[in-house]
Full PDB file with SEQRES, HELIX, SHEET, SSBOND, CRYST1, ORIGX, SCALE, CONECT and MASTER records, all heavy atoms in Angstrom:
SEQRES   1 A   36  ASP LEU ARG HIS ASP ILE ALA SER GLY ALA LEU VAL PRO          
SEQRES   2 A   36  LEU LEU THR ASP TRP GLN THR GLU PRO TYR PRO LEU HIS          
SEQRES   3 A   36  ALA LEU LEU PRO SER GLY ARG PHE ILE PRO                      
HELIX    1 AA1 ARG A    3  SER A    8  1                                   6    
CRYST1    1.000    1.000    1.000  90.00  90.00  90.00 P 1           1          
ORIGX1      1.000000  0.000000  0.000000        0.00000                         
ORIGX2      0.000000  1.000000  0.000000        0.00000                         
ORIGX3      0.000000  0.000000  1.000000        0.00000                         
SCALE1      1.000000  0.000000  0.000000        0.00000                         
SCALE2      0.000000  1.000000  0.000000        0.00000                         
SCALE3      0.000000  0.000000  1.000000        0.00000                         
ATOM      1  N   ASP A   1      -1.983   3.740  14.918  1.00  0.00           N  
ATOM      2  CA  ASP A   1      -1.961   4.874  15.930  1.00  0.00           C  
ATOM      3  C   ASP A   1      -0.643   4.841  16.619  1.00  0.00           C  
ATOM      4  O   ASP A   1      -0.149   5.956  16.862  1.00  0.00           O  
ATOM      5  CB  ASP A   1      -3.139   4.814  16.813  1.00  0.00           C  
ATOM      6  CG  ASP A   1      -4.399   4.990  16.155  1.00  0.00           C  
ATOM      7  OD1 ASP A   1      -4.496   5.420  14.967  1.00  0.00           O  
ATOM      8  OD2 ASP A   1      -5.594   4.718  16.875  1.00  0.00           O  
ATOM      9  N   LEU A   2      -0.024   3.754  16.753  1.00  0.00           N  
ATOM     10  CA  LEU A   2       1.099   3.682  17.687  1.00  0.00           C  
ATOM     11  C   LEU A   2       2.421   3.530  16.988  1.00  0.00           C  
ATOM     12  O   LEU A   2       3.445   3.436  17.590  1.00  0.00           O  
ATOM     13  CB  LEU A   2       0.899   2.497  18.668  1.00  0.00           C  
ATOM     14  CG  LEU A   2      -0.343   2.543  19.563  1.00  0.00           C  
ATOM     15  CD1 LEU A   2      -0.385   1.379  20.363  1.00  0.00           C  
ATOM     16  CD2 LEU A   2      -0.212   3.875  20.484  1.00  0.00           C  
ATOM     17  N   ARG A   3       2.356   3.229  15.616  1.00  0.00           N  
ATOM     18  CA  ARG A   3       3.632   2.882  14.925  1.00  0.00           C  
ATOM     19  C   ARG A   3       4.783   3.836  15.037  1.00  0.00           C  
ATOM     20  O   ARG A   3       5.868   3.366  15.250  1.00  0.00           O  
ATOM     21  CB  ARG A   3       3.314   2.485  13.408  1.00  0.00           C  
ATOM     22  CG  ARG A   3       2.866   3.780  12.738  1.00  0.00           C  
ATOM     23  CD  ARG A   3       2.542   3.283  11.173  1.00  0.00           C  
ATOM     24  NE  ARG A   3       1.939   4.368  10.446  1.00  0.00           N  
ATOM     25  CZ  ARG A   3       1.678   4.215   9.190  1.00  0.00           C  
ATOM     26  NH1 ARG A   3       1.776   3.083   8.590  1.00  0.00           N  
ATOM     27  NH2 ARG A   3       1.249   5.319   8.478  1.00  0.00           N  
ATOM     28  N   HIS A   4       4.509   5.052  15.102  1.00  0.00           N  
ATOM     29  CA  HIS A   4       5.502   6.052  15.162  1.00  0.00           C  
ATOM     30  C   HIS A   4       6.162   6.072  16.602  1.00  0.00           C  
ATOM     31  O   HIS A   4       7.346   6.232  16.864  1.00  0.00           O  
ATOM     32  CB  HIS A   4       5.063   7.477  14.769  1.00  0.00           C  
ATOM     33  CG  HIS A   4       4.645   7.590  13.440  1.00  0.00           C  
ATOM     34  ND1 HIS A   4       5.524   7.251  12.378  1.00  0.00           N  
ATOM     35  CD2 HIS A   4       3.437   8.067  12.860  1.00  0.00           C  
ATOM     36  CE1 HIS A   4       4.844   7.505  11.115  1.00  0.00           C  
ATOM     37  NE2 HIS A   4       3.676   7.954  11.424  1.00  0.00           N  
ATOM     38  N   ASP A   5       5.293   5.962  17.653  1.00  0.00           N  
ATOM     39  CA  ASP A   5       5.734   5.916  18.996  1.00  0.00           C  
ATOM     40  C   ASP A   5       6.578   4.616  19.243  1.00  0.00           C  
ATOM     41  O   ASP A   5       7.556   4.748  20.046  1.00  0.00           O  
ATOM     42  CB  ASP A   5       4.498   5.912  19.980  1.00  0.00           C  
ATOM     43  CG  ASP A   5       3.676   7.193  19.701  1.00  0.00           C  
ATOM     44  OD1 ASP A   5       4.205   8.245  19.529  1.00  0.00           O  
ATOM     45  OD2 ASP A   5       2.456   7.025  19.822  1.00  0.00           O  
ATOM     46  N   ILE A   6       6.187   3.558  18.743  1.00  0.00           N  
ATOM     47  CA  ILE A   6       6.864   2.253  18.804  1.00  0.00           C  
ATOM     48  C   ILE A   6       8.268   2.424  18.194  1.00  0.00           C  
ATOM     49  O   ILE A   6       9.342   2.003  18.718  1.00  0.00           O  
ATOM     50  CB  ILE A   6       6.110   1.083  18.388  1.00  0.00           C  
ATOM     51  CG1 ILE A   6       4.865   0.869  19.212  1.00  0.00           C  
ATOM     52  CG2 ILE A   6       7.001  -0.148  18.363  1.00  0.00           C  
ATOM     53  CD1 ILE A   6       4.012  -0.249  18.719  1.00  0.00           C  
ATOM     54  N   ALA A   7       8.276   2.929  17.011  1.00  0.00           N  
ATOM     55  CA  ALA A   7       9.502   3.095  16.224  1.00  0.00           C  
ATOM     56  C   ALA A   7      10.512   3.963  16.836  1.00  0.00           C  
ATOM     57  O   ALA A   7      11.793   3.826  16.818  1.00  0.00           O  
ATOM     58  CB  ALA A   7       9.248   3.702  14.772  1.00  0.00           C  
ATOM     59  N   SER A   8      10.036   5.117  17.607  1.00  0.00           N  
ATOM     60  CA  SER A   8      10.890   6.026  18.313  1.00  0.00           C  
ATOM     61  C   SER A   8      11.391   5.413  19.662  1.00  0.00           C  
ATOM     62  O   SER A   8      12.292   6.119  20.253  1.00  0.00           O  
ATOM     63  CB  SER A   8      10.175   7.376  18.500  1.00  0.00           C  
ATOM     64  OG  SER A   8       9.099   7.249  19.474  1.00  0.00           O  
ATOM     65  N   GLY A   9      10.614   4.444  20.167  1.00  0.00           N  
ATOM     66  CA  GLY A   9      10.921   3.895  21.507  1.00  0.00           C  
ATOM     67  C   GLY A   9      10.172   4.544  22.583  1.00  0.00           C  
ATOM     68  O   GLY A   9      10.413   4.267  23.770  1.00  0.00           O  
ATOM     69  N   ALA A  10       9.300   5.532  22.198  1.00  0.00           N  
ATOM     70  CA  ALA A  10       8.565   6.192  23.265  1.00  0.00           C  
ATOM     71  C   ALA A  10       7.564   5.259  23.890  1.00  0.00           C  
ATOM     72  O   ALA A  10       7.135   5.457  25.108  1.00  0.00           O  
ATOM     73  CB  ALA A  10       7.925   7.451  22.687  1.00  0.00           C  
ATOM     74  N   LEU A  11       7.110   4.195  23.293  1.00  0.00           N  
ATOM     75  CA  LEU A  11       6.209   3.185  23.790  1.00  0.00           C  
ATOM     76  C   LEU A  11       6.833   1.769  23.416  1.00  0.00           C  
ATOM     77  O   LEU A  11       7.485   1.622  22.460  1.00  0.00           O  
ATOM     78  CB  LEU A  11       4.830   3.288  23.137  1.00  0.00           C  
ATOM     79  CG  LEU A  11       3.987   4.460  23.605  1.00  0.00           C  
ATOM     80  CD1 LEU A  11       2.644   4.502  22.849  1.00  0.00           C  
ATOM     81  CD2 LEU A  11       3.758   4.511  25.093  1.00  0.00           C  
ATOM     82  N   VAL A  12       6.612   0.847  24.375  1.00  0.00           N  
ATOM     83  CA  VAL A  12       7.168  -0.488  24.156  1.00  0.00           C  
ATOM     84  C   VAL A  12       5.969  -1.460  23.962  1.00  0.00           C  
ATOM     85  O   VAL A  12       5.073  -1.450  24.789  1.00  0.00           O  
ATOM     86  CB  VAL A  12       8.043  -0.854  25.416  1.00  0.00           C  
ATOM     87  CG1 VAL A  12       8.482  -2.340  25.374  1.00  0.00           C  
ATOM     88  CG2 VAL A  12       9.050   0.111  25.692  1.00  0.00           C  
ATOM     89  N   PRO A  13       5.954  -2.230  22.911  1.00  0.00           N  
ATOM     90  CA  PRO A  13       4.929  -3.244  22.842  1.00  0.00           C  
ATOM     91  C   PRO A  13       5.098  -4.359  23.794  1.00  0.00           C  
ATOM     92  O   PRO A  13       6.146  -4.808  24.120  1.00  0.00           O  
ATOM     93  CB  PRO A  13       5.159  -3.690  21.336  1.00  0.00           C  
ATOM     94  CG  PRO A  13       6.514  -3.429  21.041  1.00  0.00           C  
ATOM     95  CD  PRO A  13       6.919  -2.176  21.801  1.00  0.00           C  
ATOM     96  N   LEU A  14       3.957  -4.795  24.260  1.00  0.00           N  
ATOM     97  CA  LEU A  14       3.905  -5.818  25.378  1.00  0.00           C  
ATOM     98  C   LEU A  14       3.100  -7.168  24.799  1.00  0.00           C  
ATOM     99  O   LEU A  14       2.363  -6.985  23.835  1.00  0.00           O  
ATOM    100  CB  LEU A  14       3.289  -5.308  26.602  1.00  0.00           C  
ATOM    101  CG  LEU A  14       3.885  -3.985  27.207  1.00  0.00           C  
ATOM    102  CD1 LEU A  14       2.978  -3.393  28.234  1.00  0.00           C  
ATOM    103  CD2 LEU A  14       5.266  -4.176  27.655  1.00  0.00           C  
ATOM    104  N   LEU A  15       3.324  -8.181  25.461  1.00  0.00           N  
ATOM    105  CA  LEU A  15       2.682  -9.379  25.206  1.00  0.00           C  
ATOM    106  C   LEU A  15       2.669  -9.747  23.715  1.00  0.00           C  
ATOM    107  O   LEU A  15       1.678 -10.112  23.085  1.00  0.00           O  
ATOM    108  CB  LEU A  15       1.126  -9.280  25.638  1.00  0.00           C  
ATOM    109  CG  LEU A  15       1.064  -8.979  27.149  1.00  0.00           C  
ATOM    110  CD1 LEU A  15      -0.500  -8.788  27.520  1.00  0.00           C  
ATOM    111  CD2 LEU A  15       1.575 -10.128  28.050  1.00  0.00           C  
ATOM    112  N   THR A  16       3.852  -9.559  23.109  1.00  0.00           N  
ATOM    113  CA  THR A  16       4.058  -9.701  21.680  1.00  0.00           C  
ATOM    114  C   THR A  16       3.798 -11.230  21.246  1.00  0.00           C  
ATOM    115  O   THR A  16       3.739 -11.453  19.992  1.00  0.00           O  
ATOM    116  CB  THR A  16       5.366  -9.373  21.288  1.00  0.00           C  
ATOM    117  OG1 THR A  16       6.364  -9.942  21.928  1.00  0.00           O  
ATOM    118  CG2 THR A  16       5.410  -7.770  21.522  1.00  0.00           C  
ATOM    119  N   ASP A  17       3.762 -12.163  22.132  1.00  0.00           N  
ATOM    120  CA  ASP A  17       3.559 -13.564  21.748  1.00  0.00           C  
ATOM    121  C   ASP A  17       2.179 -13.886  21.650  1.00  0.00           C  
ATOM    122  O   ASP A  17       1.728 -15.182  21.580  1.00  0.00           O  
ATOM    123  CB  ASP A  17       4.453 -14.552  22.568  1.00  0.00           C  
ATOM    124  CG  ASP A  17       4.255 -14.271  24.132  1.00  0.00           C  
ATOM    125  OD1 ASP A  17       3.680 -13.283  24.419  1.00  0.00           O  
ATOM    126  OD2 ASP A  17       4.585 -15.241  24.794  1.00  0.00           O  
ATOM    127  N   TRP A  18       1.263 -12.958  21.961  1.00  0.00           N  
ATOM    128  CA  TRP A  18      -0.118 -13.224  22.015  1.00  0.00           C  
ATOM    129  C   TRP A  18      -0.807 -12.438  20.860  1.00  0.00           C  
ATOM    130  O   TRP A  18      -0.358 -11.411  20.381  1.00  0.00           O  
ATOM    131  CB  TRP A  18      -0.824 -12.683  23.228  1.00  0.00           C  
ATOM    132  CG  TRP A  18      -0.482 -13.538  24.494  1.00  0.00           C  
ATOM    133  CD1 TRP A  18       0.713 -13.490  25.243  1.00  0.00           C  
ATOM    134  CD2 TRP A  18      -1.369 -14.526  25.060  1.00  0.00           C  
ATOM    135  NE1 TRP A  18       0.610 -14.399  26.187  1.00  0.00           N  
ATOM    136  CE2 TRP A  18      -0.602 -14.989  26.162  1.00  0.00           C  
ATOM    137  CE3 TRP A  18      -2.623 -14.984  24.763  1.00  0.00           C  
ATOM    138  CZ2 TRP A  18      -1.165 -16.089  26.919  1.00  0.00           C  
ATOM    139  CZ3 TRP A  18      -3.115 -16.024  25.493  1.00  0.00           C  
ATOM    140  CH2 TRP A  18      -2.375 -16.516  26.603  1.00  0.00           C  
ATOM    141  N   GLN A  19      -1.797 -13.101  20.271  1.00  0.00           N  
ATOM    142  CA  GLN A  19      -2.562 -12.394  19.119  1.00  0.00           C  
ATOM    143  C   GLN A  19      -3.569 -11.500  19.591  1.00  0.00           C  
ATOM    144  O   GLN A  19      -4.119 -11.655  20.809  1.00  0.00           O  
ATOM    145  CB  GLN A  19      -3.296 -13.408  18.305  1.00  0.00           C  
ATOM    146  CG  GLN A  19      -2.393 -14.383  17.462  1.00  0.00           C  
ATOM    147  CD  GLN A  19      -3.252 -15.295  16.616  1.00  0.00           C  
ATOM    148  OE1 GLN A  19      -3.850 -16.239  17.254  1.00  0.00           O  
ATOM    149  NE2 GLN A  19      -3.531 -15.092  15.345  1.00  0.00           N  
ATOM    150  N   THR A  20      -3.990 -10.532  18.823  1.00  0.00           N  
ATOM    151  CA  THR A  20      -5.142  -9.729  19.158  1.00  0.00           C  
ATOM    152  C   THR A  20      -6.051  -9.781  17.936  1.00  0.00           C  
ATOM    153  O   THR A  20      -5.756 -10.161  16.881  1.00  0.00           O  
ATOM    154  CB  THR A  20      -4.842  -8.315  19.471  1.00  0.00           C  
ATOM    155  OG1 THR A  20      -4.101  -7.729  18.312  1.00  0.00           O  
ATOM    156  CG2 THR A  20      -4.008  -8.120  20.720  1.00  0.00           C  
ATOM    157  N   GLU A  21      -7.340  -9.430  18.166  1.00  0.00           N  
ATOM    158  CA  GLU A  21      -8.361  -9.601  17.102  1.00  0.00           C  
ATOM    159  C   GLU A  21      -8.136  -8.460  15.963  1.00  0.00           C  
ATOM    160  O   GLU A  21      -7.780  -7.309  16.313  1.00  0.00           O  
ATOM    161  CB  GLU A  21      -9.678  -9.392  17.687  1.00  0.00           C  
ATOM    162  CG  GLU A  21     -10.157 -10.679  18.487  1.00  0.00           C  
ATOM    163  CD  GLU A  21     -11.553 -10.422  19.159  1.00  0.00           C  
ATOM    164  OE1 GLU A  21     -11.834  -9.382  19.688  1.00  0.00           O  
ATOM    165  OE2 GLU A  21     -12.206 -11.387  19.095  1.00  0.00           O  
ATOM    166  N   PRO A  22      -8.540  -8.860  14.691  1.00  0.00           N  
ATOM    167  CA  PRO A  22      -8.339  -7.835  13.669  1.00  0.00           C  
ATOM    168  C   PRO A  22      -9.086  -6.599  13.930  1.00  0.00           C  
ATOM    169  O   PRO A  22     -10.301  -6.706  14.599  1.00  0.00           O  
ATOM    170  CB  PRO A  22      -8.892  -8.539  12.396  1.00  0.00           C  
ATOM    171  CG  PRO A  22      -8.731  -9.940  12.835  1.00  0.00           C  
ATOM    172  CD  PRO A  22      -8.956 -10.116  14.239  1.00  0.00           C  
ATOM    173  N   TYR A  23      -8.624  -5.452  13.598  1.00  0.00           N  
ATOM    174  CA  TYR A  23      -9.335  -4.205  13.802  1.00  0.00           C  
ATOM    175  C   TYR A  23      -9.027  -3.342  12.502  1.00  0.00           C  
ATOM    176  O   TYR A  23      -8.394  -2.265  12.538  1.00  0.00           O  
ATOM    177  CB  TYR A  23      -8.756  -3.563  14.973  1.00  0.00           C  
ATOM    178  CG  TYR A  23      -9.607  -2.457  15.558  1.00  0.00           C  
ATOM    179  CD1 TYR A  23     -11.028  -2.508  15.778  1.00  0.00           C  
ATOM    180  CD2 TYR A  23      -9.047  -1.155  16.034  1.00  0.00           C  
ATOM    181  CE1 TYR A  23     -11.705  -1.637  16.219  1.00  0.00           C  
ATOM    182  CE2 TYR A  23      -9.821  -0.199  16.566  1.00  0.00           C  
ATOM    183  CZ  TYR A  23     -11.161  -0.395  16.634  1.00  0.00           C  
ATOM    184  OH  TYR A  23     -11.978   0.600  17.156  1.00  0.00           O  
ATOM    185  N   PRO A  24      -9.668  -3.693  11.344  1.00  0.00           N  
ATOM    186  CA  PRO A  24      -9.338  -3.170  10.042  1.00  0.00           C  
ATOM    187  C   PRO A  24      -9.812  -1.706   9.952  1.00  0.00           C  
ATOM    188  O   PRO A  24     -10.723  -1.271  10.745  1.00  0.00           O  
ATOM    189  CB  PRO A  24     -10.116  -4.043   9.136  1.00  0.00           C  
ATOM    190  CG  PRO A  24     -11.174  -4.551   9.807  1.00  0.00           C  
ATOM    191  CD  PRO A  24     -10.628  -4.754  11.249  1.00  0.00           C  
ATOM    192  N   LEU A  25      -9.187  -0.951   9.130  1.00  0.00           N  
ATOM    193  CA  LEU A  25      -9.525   0.402   8.947  1.00  0.00           C  
ATOM    194  C   LEU A  25     -10.295   0.470   7.549  1.00  0.00           C  
ATOM    195  O   LEU A  25      -9.750  -0.016   6.520  1.00  0.00           O  
ATOM    196  CB  LEU A  25      -8.328   1.350   8.865  1.00  0.00           C  
ATOM    197  CG  LEU A  25      -8.640   2.762   8.757  1.00  0.00           C  
ATOM    198  CD1 LEU A  25      -9.188   3.406   9.892  1.00  0.00           C  
ATOM    199  CD2 LEU A  25      -7.210   3.592   8.504  1.00  0.00           C  
ATOM    200  N   HIS A  26     -11.458   1.097   7.553  1.00  0.00           N  
ATOM    201  CA  HIS A  26     -12.304   1.151   6.281  1.00  0.00           C  
ATOM    202  C   HIS A  26     -12.584   2.576   6.087  1.00  0.00           C  
ATOM    203  O   HIS A  26     -12.578   3.532   6.875  1.00  0.00           O  
ATOM    204  CB  HIS A  26     -13.677   0.517   6.475  1.00  0.00           C  
ATOM    205  CG  HIS A  26     -13.635  -0.976   6.718  1.00  0.00           C  
ATOM    206  ND1 HIS A  26     -13.639  -1.675   7.897  1.00  0.00           N  
ATOM    207  CD2 HIS A  26     -13.422  -1.957   5.807  1.00  0.00           C  
ATOM    208  CE1 HIS A  26     -13.486  -2.927   7.695  1.00  0.00           C  
ATOM    209  NE2 HIS A  26     -13.449  -3.105   6.492  1.00  0.00           N  
ATOM    210  N   ALA A  27     -12.802   2.840   4.677  1.00  0.00           N  
ATOM    211  CA  ALA A  27     -13.458   4.087   4.210  1.00  0.00           C  
ATOM    212  C   ALA A  27     -14.932   3.812   3.848  1.00  0.00           C  
ATOM    213  O   ALA A  27     -15.205   2.847   3.101  1.00  0.00           O  
ATOM    214  CB  ALA A  27     -12.732   4.604   2.974  1.00  0.00           C  
ATOM    215  N   LEU A  28     -15.758   4.475   4.610  1.00  0.00           N  
ATOM    216  CA  LEU A  28     -17.281   4.271   4.444  1.00  0.00           C  
ATOM    217  C   LEU A  28     -17.784   5.348   3.643  1.00  0.00           C  
ATOM    218  O   LEU A  28     -17.682   6.519   3.757  1.00  0.00           O  
ATOM    219  CB  LEU A  28     -17.940   4.203   5.719  1.00  0.00           C  
ATOM    220  CG  LEU A  28     -17.339   3.154   6.813  1.00  0.00           C  
ATOM    221  CD1 LEU A  28     -18.135   3.130   8.076  1.00  0.00           C  
ATOM    222  CD2 LEU A  28     -17.356   1.740   6.247  1.00  0.00           C  
ATOM    223  N   LEU A  29     -18.664   4.839   2.560  1.00  0.00           N  
ATOM    224  CA  LEU A  29     -19.199   5.858   1.574  1.00  0.00           C  
ATOM    225  C   LEU A  29     -20.829   5.650   1.772  1.00  0.00           C  
ATOM    226  O   LEU A  29     -21.301   4.497   1.940  1.00  0.00           O  
ATOM    227  CB  LEU A  29     -18.770   5.514   0.206  1.00  0.00           C  
ATOM    228  CG  LEU A  29     -17.290   5.537   0.100  1.00  0.00           C  
ATOM    229  CD1 LEU A  29     -16.891   4.979  -1.350  1.00  0.00           C  
ATOM    230  CD2 LEU A  29     -16.741   6.994   0.189  1.00  0.00           C  
ATOM    231  N   PRO A  30     -21.530   6.802   1.574  1.00  0.00           N  
ATOM    232  CA  PRO A  30     -22.962   6.625   1.720  1.00  0.00           C  
ATOM    233  C   PRO A  30     -23.689   5.866   0.648  1.00  0.00           C  
ATOM    234  O   PRO A  30     -24.851   5.436   0.829  1.00  0.00           O  
ATOM    235  CB  PRO A  30     -23.406   8.060   1.795  1.00  0.00           C  
ATOM    236  CG  PRO A  30     -22.360   8.797   1.090  1.00  0.00           C  
ATOM    237  CD  PRO A  30     -21.137   8.096   1.405  1.00  0.00           C  
ATOM    238  N   SER A  31     -23.052   5.799  -0.586  1.00  0.00           N  
ATOM    239  CA  SER A  31     -23.814   5.192  -1.700  1.00  0.00           C  
ATOM    240  C   SER A  31     -22.884   4.615  -2.825  1.00  0.00           C  
ATOM    241  O   SER A  31     -21.804   5.185  -2.951  1.00  0.00           O  
ATOM    242  CB  SER A  31     -24.724   6.292  -2.334  1.00  0.00           C  
ATOM    243  OG  SER A  31     -25.252   5.738  -3.604  1.00  0.00           O  
ATOM    244  N   GLY A  32     -23.143   3.511  -3.308  1.00  0.00           N  
ATOM    245  CA  GLY A  32     -22.395   2.998  -4.392  1.00  0.00           C  
ATOM    246  C   GLY A  32     -22.878   3.345  -5.772  1.00  0.00           C  
ATOM    247  O   GLY A  32     -22.179   3.124  -6.763  1.00  0.00           O  
ATOM    248  N   ARG A  33     -24.055   4.038  -5.833  1.00  0.00           N  
ATOM    249  CA  ARG A  33     -24.645   4.327  -7.123  1.00  0.00           C  
ATOM    250  C   ARG A  33     -23.844   5.517  -7.801  1.00  0.00           C  
ATOM    251  O   ARG A  33     -23.549   5.566  -9.036  1.00  0.00           O  
ATOM    252  CB  ARG A  33     -26.085   4.879  -6.965  1.00  0.00           C  
ATOM    253  CG  ARG A  33     -26.888   3.651  -6.577  1.00  0.00           C  
ATOM    254  CD  ARG A  33     -28.271   4.104  -6.371  1.00  0.00           C  
ATOM    255  NE  ARG A  33     -28.523   5.071  -5.290  1.00  0.00           N  
ATOM    256  CZ  ARG A  33     -29.590   5.635  -4.957  1.00  0.00           C  
ATOM    257  NH1 ARG A  33     -30.720   5.525  -5.715  1.00  0.00           N  
ATOM    258  NH2 ARG A  33     -29.610   6.484  -3.979  1.00  0.00           N  
ATOM    259  N   PHE A  34     -23.438   6.528  -7.058  1.00  0.00           N  
ATOM    260  CA  PHE A  34     -22.547   7.543  -7.569  1.00  0.00           C  
ATOM    261  C   PHE A  34     -21.451   8.151  -6.572  1.00  0.00           C  
ATOM    262  O   PHE A  34     -21.965   8.587  -5.539  1.00  0.00           O  
ATOM    263  CB  PHE A  34     -23.383   8.800  -8.001  1.00  0.00           C  
ATOM    264  CG  PHE A  34     -22.615   9.904  -8.559  1.00  0.00           C  
ATOM    265  CD1 PHE A  34     -21.993   9.856  -9.827  1.00  0.00           C  
ATOM    266  CD2 PHE A  34     -22.483  11.095  -7.706  1.00  0.00           C  
ATOM    267  CE1 PHE A  34     -21.244  10.835 -10.298  1.00  0.00           C  
ATOM    268  CE2 PHE A  34     -21.618  12.114  -8.203  1.00  0.00           C  
ATOM    269  CZ  PHE A  34     -21.031  11.986  -9.431  1.00  0.00           C  
ATOM    270  N   ILE A  35     -20.288   7.927  -6.950  1.00  0.00           N  
ATOM    271  CA  ILE A  35     -19.199   8.300  -6.082  1.00  0.00           C  
ATOM    272  C   ILE A  35     -18.411   9.448  -6.742  1.00  0.00           C  
ATOM    273  O   ILE A  35     -17.926   9.087  -7.746  1.00  0.00           O  
ATOM    274  CB  ILE A  35     -18.265   7.214  -5.595  1.00  0.00           C  
ATOM    275  CG1 ILE A  35     -18.970   6.094  -4.838  1.00  0.00           C  
ATOM    276  CG2 ILE A  35     -17.181   7.727  -4.792  1.00  0.00           C  
ATOM    277  CD1 ILE A  35     -18.215   4.797  -4.574  1.00  0.00           C  
ATOM    278  N   PRO A  36     -18.536  10.624  -6.263  1.00  0.00           N  
ATOM    279  CA  PRO A  36     -17.789  11.616  -6.984  1.00  0.00           C  
ATOM    280  C   PRO A  36     -16.266  11.285  -7.269  1.00  0.00           C  
ATOM    281  O   PRO A  36     -15.686  10.665  -6.464  1.00  0.00           O  
ATOM    282  CB  PRO A  36     -17.924  12.908  -6.118  1.00  0.00           C  
ATOM    283  CG  PRO A  36     -19.209  12.654  -5.288  1.00  0.00           C  
ATOM    284  CD  PRO A  36     -19.150  11.154  -5.094  1.00  0.00           C  
TER     285      PRO A  36                                                      
MASTER        0    0    0    1    0    0    0    6  284    1    0    3          
END                                                                             
């Protein structure tokens, strides 16, 4: 969400020597039997 704002300098990343927990992005589908 923030990559363009950081690249432009509009936002500054903080605490960069600390880790944060993974927050992966998924595509969720209702069924594996038939996917159009």
